Protein backbone atom coordinates (compact mmCIF):
# COMPACT_ATOMS: atom_id res chain seq x y z
CA LEU A 1 -13.57 -26.19 2.48
CA GLY A 2 -17.17 -25.82 3.00
CA LEU A 3 -17.62 -23.16 2.94
CA ASP A 4 -20.63 -20.73 1.00
CA PRO A 5 -19.49 -19.03 -1.92
CA ASP A 6 -22.69 -16.83 -2.35
CA ILE A 7 -22.90 -15.89 1.49
CA VAL A 8 -18.81 -14.96 1.28
CA ARG A 9 -19.28 -12.94 -2.30
CA ASP A 10 -22.13 -10.36 -0.90
CA TRP A 11 -19.95 -9.79 2.13
CA ASP A 12 -18.63 -6.55 1.95
CA GLY A 13 -14.97 -7.20 4.14
CA PHE A 14 -15.64 -5.27 7.27
CA ASN A 15 -19.48 -5.48 8.69
CA ASN A 16 -18.08 -6.49 11.76
CA SER A 17 -22.20 -7.14 12.04
CA GLU A 18 -21.64 -9.90 10.03
CA TYR A 19 -18.95 -11.27 11.92
CA THR A 20 -21.41 -13.78 13.31
CA LEU A 21 -22.42 -15.63 10.41
CA PRO A 22 -21.17 -19.00 10.64
CA GLU A 23 -19.08 -18.66 6.76
CA ILE A 24 -18.06 -15.60 7.64
CA THR A 25 -16.07 -16.76 10.81
CA SER A 26 -15.31 -20.22 9.09
CA PHE A 27 -13.86 -17.62 6.66
CA LEU A 28 -12.04 -15.69 8.82
CA ALA A 29 -10.65 -18.15 10.95
CA LEU A 30 -9.30 -20.56 8.26
CA LYS A 31 -7.14 -17.10 7.20
CA SER A 32 -6.29 -16.33 10.10
CA ASN A 33 -4.71 -19.93 11.16
CA SER A 34 -3.36 -20.48 7.83
CA VAL A 35 -1.36 -17.57 8.37
CA HIS A 36 -0.45 -17.79 12.02
CA GLY A 37 0.08 -21.39 11.19
CA LEU A 38 2.55 -20.49 8.74
CA TYR A 39 4.40 -18.22 10.77
CA SER A 40 4.64 -20.90 13.73
CA ALA A 41 6.08 -23.16 10.92
CA ALA A 42 8.52 -21.04 9.84
CA GLN A 43 10.23 -20.54 13.07
CA PHE A 44 10.27 -23.88 14.16
CA LEU A 45 12.33 -24.28 10.66
CA LYS A 46 14.65 -22.54 11.90
CA SER A 47 15.38 -25.34 14.20
CA HIS A 48 19.40 -27.06 14.30
CA ASP A 49 16.60 -30.20 16.28
CA VAL A 50 16.74 -32.15 13.19
CA GLY A 51 13.31 -34.00 14.50
CA MET A 52 11.40 -30.44 15.11
CA TYR A 53 12.45 -29.47 12.15
CA ASN A 54 10.75 -32.14 9.96
CA ASN A 55 7.54 -31.97 11.71
CA ALA A 56 8.14 -28.47 10.71
CA LYS A 57 8.43 -28.75 7.27
CA ASP A 58 5.91 -31.09 7.61
CA VAL A 59 3.21 -29.17 9.28
CA ALA A 60 4.06 -26.39 6.35
CA LYS A 61 3.76 -28.35 3.84
CA ASP A 62 -0.11 -29.27 5.26
CA ILE A 63 -0.81 -25.13 5.87
CA LEU A 64 0.51 -23.99 2.37
CA LEU A 65 -2.00 -26.34 1.24
CA LEU A 66 -4.91 -24.50 2.79
CA CYS A 67 -3.37 -21.52 1.83
CA ARG A 68 -3.20 -22.78 -1.59
CA LYS A 69 -7.00 -23.59 -1.28
CA LEU A 70 -7.87 -20.21 0.15
CA LEU A 71 -6.58 -18.54 -2.85
CA LEU A 72 -8.35 -20.34 -5.31
CA PHE A 73 -11.60 -20.50 -3.00
CA GLU A 74 -11.06 -16.54 -2.71
CA ASP A 75 -10.60 -16.73 -6.37
CA GLU A 76 -14.08 -18.34 -7.21
CA VAL A 77 -15.99 -15.55 -5.72
CA HIS A 78 -14.45 -12.57 -6.33
CA GLY A 79 -12.61 -14.05 -9.47
CA SER A 80 -9.74 -12.76 -11.74
CA PHE A 81 -12.23 -9.97 -13.13
CA LEU A 82 -10.05 -7.03 -10.65
CA PHE A 83 -7.19 -7.78 -12.78
CA ARG A 84 -8.54 -8.47 -16.16
CA GLY A 85 -11.33 -6.40 -16.30
CA LEU A 86 -14.08 -9.16 -16.84
CA SER A 87 -16.86 -9.98 -15.30
CA ILE A 88 -17.51 -11.95 -12.12
CA ARG A 89 -19.74 -13.68 -13.90
CA ASN A 90 -18.09 -14.93 -16.79
CA PRO A 91 -14.71 -15.06 -15.99
CA LYS A 92 -13.87 -17.17 -19.86
CA VAL A 93 -10.82 -15.28 -21.28
CA GLY A 94 -11.14 -15.06 -24.97
CA PRO A 95 -10.63 -12.87 -28.20
CA SER A 96 -14.81 -12.35 -28.17
CA LEU A 97 -14.09 -10.57 -24.42
CA THR A 98 -10.99 -8.58 -25.46
CA ASN A 99 -13.04 -5.06 -24.76
CA GLU A 100 -16.08 -6.23 -22.82
CA GLY A 101 -14.63 -4.62 -19.22
CA ARG A 102 -14.10 -1.41 -21.03
CA VAL A 103 -15.68 1.29 -19.38
CA SER A 104 -17.86 3.19 -22.04
CA LYS A 105 -17.43 6.66 -22.83
CA ALA A 106 -20.81 7.57 -20.94
CA GLY A 107 -19.63 5.61 -18.18
CA ILE A 108 -16.62 7.89 -17.83
CA SER A 109 -18.32 10.69 -17.96
CA GLN A 110 -19.67 9.90 -15.10
CA LEU A 111 -17.60 9.40 -12.77
CA PRO A 112 -16.24 12.91 -10.51
CA ASP A 113 -13.96 15.05 -11.67
CA ALA A 114 -10.46 15.77 -9.10
CA VAL A 115 -12.80 18.79 -7.76
CA ASP A 116 -15.87 16.93 -6.61
CA VAL A 117 -13.97 14.59 -5.21
CA LYS A 118 -11.85 17.03 -3.12
CA ASN A 119 -15.33 18.98 -2.56
CA MET A 120 -16.49 15.53 -0.84
CA PHE A 121 -13.38 15.11 1.06
CA GLU A 122 -13.11 18.44 2.74
CA GLU A 123 -17.55 17.82 3.30
CA ASP A 124 -16.47 14.17 4.90
CA PRO A 125 -13.32 14.08 5.73
CA ARG A 126 -12.59 9.84 6.59
CA SER A 127 -10.34 7.24 5.38
CA ALA A 128 -12.74 6.40 1.92
CA SER A 129 -12.25 9.95 0.93
CA ALA A 130 -9.24 10.83 2.04
CA ILE A 131 -7.49 7.80 -0.28
CA ALA A 132 -9.61 9.31 -3.28
CA PHE A 133 -8.73 12.02 -2.61
CA LEU A 134 -4.80 11.41 -2.90
CA TYR A 135 -5.46 9.55 -6.06
CA ALA A 136 -6.96 12.56 -7.51
CA MET A 137 -4.46 14.50 -6.93
CA GLY A 138 -2.60 14.00 -9.99
CA SER A 139 -5.39 14.31 -12.63
CA THR A 140 -4.75 16.40 -15.69
CA GLY A 141 -6.75 19.29 -16.71
CA SER A 142 -6.72 23.22 -15.61
CA ASN A 143 -7.17 22.24 -11.92
CA SER A 144 -4.13 20.15 -11.83
CA SER A 145 -2.37 19.25 -8.14
CA THR A 146 0.65 18.98 -10.30
CA SER A 147 0.33 23.03 -11.21
CA GLN A 148 -1.08 23.99 -7.53
CA PRO A 149 2.43 25.09 -5.21
CA THR A 150 4.15 22.28 -3.73
CA SER A 151 4.11 23.70 -0.09
CA GLU A 152 0.24 23.84 -0.26
CA LEU A 153 0.54 19.75 -1.68
CA VAL A 154 2.40 18.84 0.88
CA LEU A 155 -0.40 20.52 3.37
CA GLN A 156 -2.89 18.79 1.55
CA ILE A 157 -1.63 15.62 2.35
CA SER A 158 -0.98 15.67 5.64
CA GLU A 159 -4.64 15.94 6.21
CA CYS A 160 -5.07 13.23 4.58
CA PHE A 161 -3.05 11.83 6.42
CA TYR A 162 -4.03 12.56 9.64
CA ASP A 163 -8.11 11.07 8.41
CA LEU A 164 -6.20 8.03 7.37
CA LEU A 165 -4.93 7.52 11.25
CA ASN A 166 -8.22 8.64 12.62
CA GLU A 167 -9.74 6.08 10.89
CA PRO A 168 -7.64 2.90 10.40
CA LEU A 169 -8.59 0.51 7.90
CA VAL A 170 -8.49 -3.34 9.10
CA ASP A 171 -9.15 -5.00 5.86
CA PRO A 172 -5.39 -6.07 3.90
CA ALA A 173 -6.65 -5.63 1.23
CA PHE A 174 -8.25 -1.84 1.81
CA GLN A 175 -4.76 -1.47 3.32
CA ALA A 176 -3.36 -2.10 0.25
CA VAL A 177 -4.95 0.33 -1.24
CA GLN A 178 -4.63 2.80 1.61
CA THR A 179 -0.84 2.37 1.36
CA CYS A 180 -0.77 2.76 -2.54
CA SER A 181 -2.30 6.26 -2.37
CA MET A 182 0.09 7.66 0.10
CA MET A 183 2.87 6.67 -2.18
CA TYR A 184 1.20 8.08 -4.65
CA SER A 185 0.45 11.36 -3.53
CA MET A 186 4.15 11.55 -3.16
CA ASP A 187 4.71 10.99 -6.86
CA VAL A 188 2.13 13.66 -7.61
CA VAL A 189 4.79 16.07 -4.72
CA TRP A 190 7.67 15.25 -6.71
CA ALA A 191 6.05 15.61 -9.98
CA SER A 192 4.81 19.87 -8.89
CA MET A 193 8.97 19.84 -7.35
CA GLU A 194 9.99 18.99 -11.29
CA GLN A 195 7.71 22.44 -12.36
CA ALA A 196 10.59 24.48 -9.81
CA GLU A 197 13.34 26.38 -11.30
CA GLU A 198 16.78 24.54 -11.07
CA SER A 199 17.92 27.04 -8.98
CA THR A 200 15.36 26.16 -6.04
CA LYS A 201 14.73 22.59 -6.46
CA HIS A 202 17.13 21.11 -3.68
CA THR A 203 15.80 23.60 -1.37
CA LEU A 204 12.93 22.79 -2.10
CA PHE A 205 13.15 19.17 -1.96
CA ASN A 206 14.88 19.20 1.59
CA GLN A 207 11.68 21.31 2.91
CA VAL A 208 9.55 18.46 1.67
CA VAL A 209 11.87 15.84 3.30
CA SER A 210 11.93 18.07 6.42
CA ASP A 211 7.74 19.07 6.53
CA VAL A 212 7.24 15.28 6.19
CA GLU A 213 9.69 14.19 8.87
CA GLY A 214 8.13 16.43 11.17
CA TRP A 215 4.76 14.03 10.35
CA ALA A 216 6.39 10.80 12.14
CA SER A 217 4.97 12.78 16.04
CA ASN A 218 0.79 12.37 14.69
CA SER A 219 1.22 10.56 11.66
CA GLY A 220 3.35 7.42 12.87
CA GLU A 221 4.39 4.98 10.16
CA TYR A 222 2.65 6.92 7.26
CA ALA A 223 5.26 9.39 7.94
CA TYR A 224 7.91 6.60 6.75
CA VAL A 225 6.00 5.04 3.98
CA ALA A 226 5.87 8.88 2.56
CA LEU A 227 9.16 9.30 2.56
CA ALA A 228 9.72 6.15 1.50
CA ALA A 229 7.89 6.71 -2.08
CA LEU A 230 9.48 10.31 -2.11
CA ALA A 231 12.77 8.40 -1.86
CA LEU A 232 11.20 6.31 -4.59
CA ALA A 233 9.97 8.81 -6.23
CA VAL A 234 12.21 11.16 -7.22
CA ASP A 235 15.30 10.73 -10.29
CA ASP A 236 18.78 10.31 -9.64
CA ASP A 237 20.07 13.53 -9.95
CA PRO A 238 23.29 13.76 -8.20
CA GLN A 239 22.21 16.61 -5.93
CA LEU A 240 19.56 14.24 -3.76
CA TRP A 241 21.63 11.33 -3.10
CA SER A 242 22.20 13.16 0.48
CA PHE A 243 18.36 13.30 0.86
CA ILE A 244 18.18 10.03 -0.20
CA THR A 245 20.90 8.93 2.45
CA LYS A 246 19.08 11.01 5.26
CA ILE A 247 15.45 9.26 4.54
CA GLN A 248 17.39 5.95 4.88
CA ASN A 249 18.77 7.29 7.73
CA THR A 250 15.84 8.67 9.34
CA ILE A 251 13.65 5.26 8.15
CA LEU A 252 16.05 3.25 10.13
CA GLY A 253 16.39 5.22 13.00
CA GLY A 254 12.74 5.17 13.19
CA SER A 255 12.98 0.95 13.36
CA ASP A 256 15.68 1.51 15.61
CA ASN A 257 13.34 3.10 18.29
CA TYR A 258 10.25 0.82 17.44
CA LEU A 259 8.26 3.32 15.67
CA PHE A 260 6.46 2.06 13.18
CA ALA A 261 3.63 0.29 14.28
CA SER A 262 4.31 -2.73 12.33
CA GLU A 263 6.71 -4.69 10.53
CA ASP A 264 4.90 -4.98 7.45
CA ALA A 265 4.98 -1.03 6.93
CA MET A 266 9.09 -1.44 7.99
CA VAL A 267 9.68 -3.95 5.61
CA LEU A 268 7.56 -1.97 2.89
CA CYS A 269 9.65 1.28 3.66
CA VAL A 270 13.36 -0.05 4.11
CA GLY A 271 12.12 -1.76 0.32
CA MET A 272 11.29 1.04 -0.88
CA VAL A 273 14.96 1.93 -0.03
CA ALA A 274 17.05 -0.12 -1.28
CA ALA A 275 15.01 -0.40 -4.71
CA LYS A 276 15.85 3.76 -5.11
CA LEU A 277 19.33 3.00 -4.43
CA SER A 278 18.93 -0.23 -7.12
CA ARG A 279 19.27 2.27 -9.61
CA THR A 280 23.30 2.82 -9.78
CA ALA A 281 24.18 -0.80 -7.83
CA ASP A 282 24.58 1.12 -4.97
CA ALA A 283 26.63 -1.08 -2.36
CA ARG A 284 24.27 -0.32 0.43
CA VAL A 285 21.50 -2.36 -1.14
CA SER A 286 22.79 -5.56 0.58
CA ASP A 287 22.66 -4.02 3.88
CA LEU A 288 19.14 -2.86 3.47
CA ILE A 289 18.30 -6.27 2.51
CA ASP A 290 19.98 -8.09 4.83
CA PHE A 291 17.98 -5.78 7.24
CA ILE A 292 14.38 -6.81 6.09
CA GLN A 293 15.89 -10.41 6.46
CA LEU A 294 16.86 -10.32 10.34
């Protein structure tokens, strides 16, 4: 690829002032061109013209080769330490390194607790602190979020979503972390509802679904991500399935009315609902898969 790994490694991934560096510009251009090229080739592969199909097939092979080289380059730059817990400078894997990447108890003791993270968010509300707060909601202890009333949790999450919306993240890796934090917060909401009396759980769930649906006017597709994540989090109580159907119809309605800012978010939401329905071999799963593939 002709790129210097050290320069790319030192780049923080989103600082626009460094876009002027030739290495960074080339790196981003290669990634962008490979993705767009792959998409274009995929469109031509649908052609019924034999010549066009064969040409697209050859182009797709070249683009896939470039994508593979980019992945190998990123593995060289960032290493697989993110998944193995190993050092970036020492990527070897062996029995003697099994515990090398583990954080010591002394290190863990220096990490902020849930209260510190909440205070940080309240003092400096922005995307990074909102994501941290969403992840901290499920912490254990006397200040555990699951011990809070569900209505309070939902209100706090809506405030986080507002800050996420006001400061959108561009880098795909950060977007993934942000989306996972939103999904995780819905797990915490469901954990809170599970502690409610059985006689009030379904009413509470209906209220939460209505509240989150109401976010759509301000939070856009984030509300749909939250709804789909909530559907995926709940148990298989038959009395909740009418709400799952309601969530499904809301998400499909949002897609029909072009309320999703990105196709990726729409596919993610529909996929999560399909994953929920697949637990009971629901016949609607195949329809949702077909919907995604359109």
